[in-house]
Amino acid sequence: MKKRDIIAAATVLAIAFLVWAVGRFTREEPKELLITVAGETYGVYSLEKNQKIEINNGNICEIKDGYVSMIQADCPDQICVHTAKISEAGGSIVCLPHKVVLEITGETDRKGKKEPEVDSISS
C-alpha cells in the first residue's frame, strides 16, 4: 500500500464515523399517536407498542411496527380506512363523519414545550 492509499482509506473511515455519529446523537424524540374526537383529546398512545384502539364504537385504529392505520370504520365513505399508514410527526388520518383525527406528534409537541417552526413566508 502506498501512502496515498492509507490516507484515502483513513479519510473514508473518518467520514463514515462522522455520518454515524451525527445520526446517533441527533435522534428524534419518541413519537406518539394523539387521537381527538370532535376536538377533544381521546387518548395518547406510544408508537412503540403494537395495539388496536377502539374509538367510540365506530372506528378501530391499529398501531403496528411504528405505523398507524384506521382498520375499521362504520362511516359510509371509508376514506379513513383507505388512507395510507402514517408514522412521521405531522402525519394524520381523519374520519370526518365521526370527527376523529389520528395525528402523529412528538412528546414535546403535545406538551407544548417545542416552538413551532416558522417559514420565511409567514414571518
Protein backbone atom coordinates (compact mmCIF):
# COMPACT_ATOMS: atom_id res chain seq x y z
CA MET A 1 0.00 0.00 0.00
CA LYS A 2 1.13 3.44 -0.83
CA LYS A 3 0.89 6.44 1.47
CA ARG A 4 -1.95 7.90 -0.63
CA ASP A 5 -3.99 4.70 -0.27
CA ILE A 6 -3.67 4.82 3.51
CA ILE A 7 -4.70 8.50 3.59
CA ALA A 8 -7.70 7.79 1.32
CA ALA A 9 -8.82 4.85 3.48
CA ALA A 10 -8.44 6.91 6.67
CA THR A 11 -10.46 9.75 5.12
CA VAL A 12 -13.29 7.40 4.10
CA LEU A 13 -13.35 5.86 7.59
CA ALA A 14 -13.41 9.30 9.23
CA ILE A 15 -16.34 10.44 7.06
CA ALA A 16 -18.24 7.21 7.77
CA PHE A 17 -17.69 7.70 11.50
CA LEU A 18 -18.94 11.30 11.33
CA VAL A 19 -22.09 10.26 9.47
CA TRP A 20 -22.74 7.54 12.05
CA ALA A 21 -22.11 9.91 14.99
CA VAL A 22 -24.44 12.60 13.64
CA GLY A 23 -27.22 10.05 13.12
CA ARG A 24 -26.66 8.51 16.54
CA PHE A 25 -26.70 11.71 18.55
CA THR A 26 -29.42 13.63 16.71
CA ARG A 27 -32.17 11.06 17.12
CA GLU A 28 -35.69 12.31 17.23
CA GLU A 29 -37.74 12.01 20.36
CA PRO A 30 -40.27 9.21 20.66
CA LYS A 31 -43.36 9.72 18.54
CA GLU A 32 -46.88 9.33 19.84
CA LEU A 33 -50.35 8.95 18.41
CA LEU A 34 -52.75 11.68 19.51
CA ILE A 35 -56.41 10.79 18.96
CA THR A 36 -59.00 13.54 19.11
CA VAL A 37 -62.76 13.23 18.72
CA ALA A 38 -64.72 16.42 17.97
CA GLY A 39 -61.69 18.47 19.02
CA GLU A 40 -61.38 16.78 22.44
CA THR A 41 -58.42 14.57 23.32
CA TYR A 42 -59.48 10.92 23.30
CA GLY A 43 -56.07 9.46 24.13
CA VAL A 44 -52.31 9.49 23.57
CA TYR A 45 -50.54 6.25 22.66
CA SER A 46 -46.91 5.24 22.11
CA LEU A 47 -45.97 4.03 18.64
CA GLU A 48 -43.61 1.52 20.23
CA LYS A 49 -46.42 -0.75 21.48
CA ASN A 50 -48.46 -2.70 18.91
CA GLN A 51 -52.16 -2.39 19.74
CA LYS A 52 -55.67 -1.90 18.39
CA ILE A 53 -57.69 1.01 19.76
CA GLU A 54 -61.47 1.16 19.58
CA ILE A 55 -62.73 4.72 19.25
CA ASN A 56 -66.36 5.36 20.29
CA ASN A 57 -67.68 2.03 18.97
CA GLY A 58 -67.36 3.24 15.37
CA ASN A 59 -63.69 3.28 14.47
CA ILE A 60 -60.74 0.99 15.17
CA CYS A 61 -57.19 2.13 14.60
CA GLU A 62 -54.11 -0.05 14.77
CA ILE A 63 -50.56 0.72 15.83
CA LYS A 64 -48.24 -1.87 14.34
CA ASP A 65 -44.45 -1.67 13.94
CA GLY A 66 -44.45 2.11 14.44
CA TYR A 67 -47.17 2.72 11.84
CA VAL A 68 -50.75 3.84 12.44
CA SER A 69 -53.74 2.99 10.27
CA MET A 70 -57.50 3.08 10.56
CA ILE A 71 -58.52 -0.53 10.04
CA GLN A 72 -62.27 -0.26 10.56
CA ALA A 73 -64.92 2.45 10.42
CA ASP A 74 -68.68 2.29 10.07
CA CYS A 75 -68.89 5.52 8.06
CA PRO A 76 -70.27 5.32 4.51
CA ASP A 77 -67.29 6.66 2.55
CA GLN A 78 -64.45 4.65 4.21
CA ILE A 79 -61.88 7.30 3.22
CA CYS A 80 -60.10 7.00 6.57
CA VAL A 81 -59.73 3.23 6.13
CA HIS A 82 -58.19 3.68 2.67
CA THR A 83 -55.78 6.40 3.82
CA ALA A 84 -52.13 5.29 3.84
CA LYS A 85 -50.42 4.34 7.11
CA ILE A 86 -48.70 7.17 8.97
CA SER A 87 -45.51 7.11 11.03
CA GLU A 88 -43.87 10.54 10.88
CA ALA A 89 -44.62 13.58 13.04
CA GLY A 90 -47.30 15.69 11.39
CA GLY A 91 -48.94 12.75 9.63
CA SER A 92 -52.69 12.44 10.13
CA ILE A 93 -55.73 10.35 9.27
CA VAL A 94 -59.16 11.97 9.51
CA CYS A 95 -62.64 10.44 9.69
CA LEU A 96 -64.97 13.37 9.02
CA PRO A 97 -68.30 11.66 9.71
CA HIS A 98 -67.13 10.68 13.22
CA LYS A 99 -64.93 13.78 13.75
CA VAL A 100 -61.96 11.53 14.59
CA VAL A 101 -58.39 12.71 13.96
CA LEU A 102 -55.34 10.46 14.32
CA GLU A 103 -52.15 12.54 14.41
CA ILE A 104 -48.52 11.63 14.98
CA THR A 105 -46.79 14.03 17.36
CA GLY A 106 -43.57 14.17 19.31
CA GLU A 107 -43.80 14.20 23.08
CA THR A 108 -42.70 17.83 23.34
CA ASP A 109 -45.11 18.88 20.57
CA ARG A 110 -48.02 17.55 22.61
CA LYS A 111 -46.84 19.12 25.85
CA GLY A 112 -46.34 22.46 24.16
CA LYS A 113 -42.66 22.84 25.00
CA LYS A 114 -41.41 22.86 21.44
CA GLU A 115 -41.76 26.09 19.49
CA PRO A 116 -43.35 25.63 16.07
CA GLU A 117 -41.06 26.28 13.13
CA VAL A 118 -41.80 29.43 11.16
CA ASP A 119 -41.05 29.54 7.47
CA SER A 120 -39.96 32.60 5.56
CA ILE A 121 -43.40 33.23 4.07
CA SER A 122 -45.24 33.52 7.36
CA SER A 123 -42.60 35.51 9.20
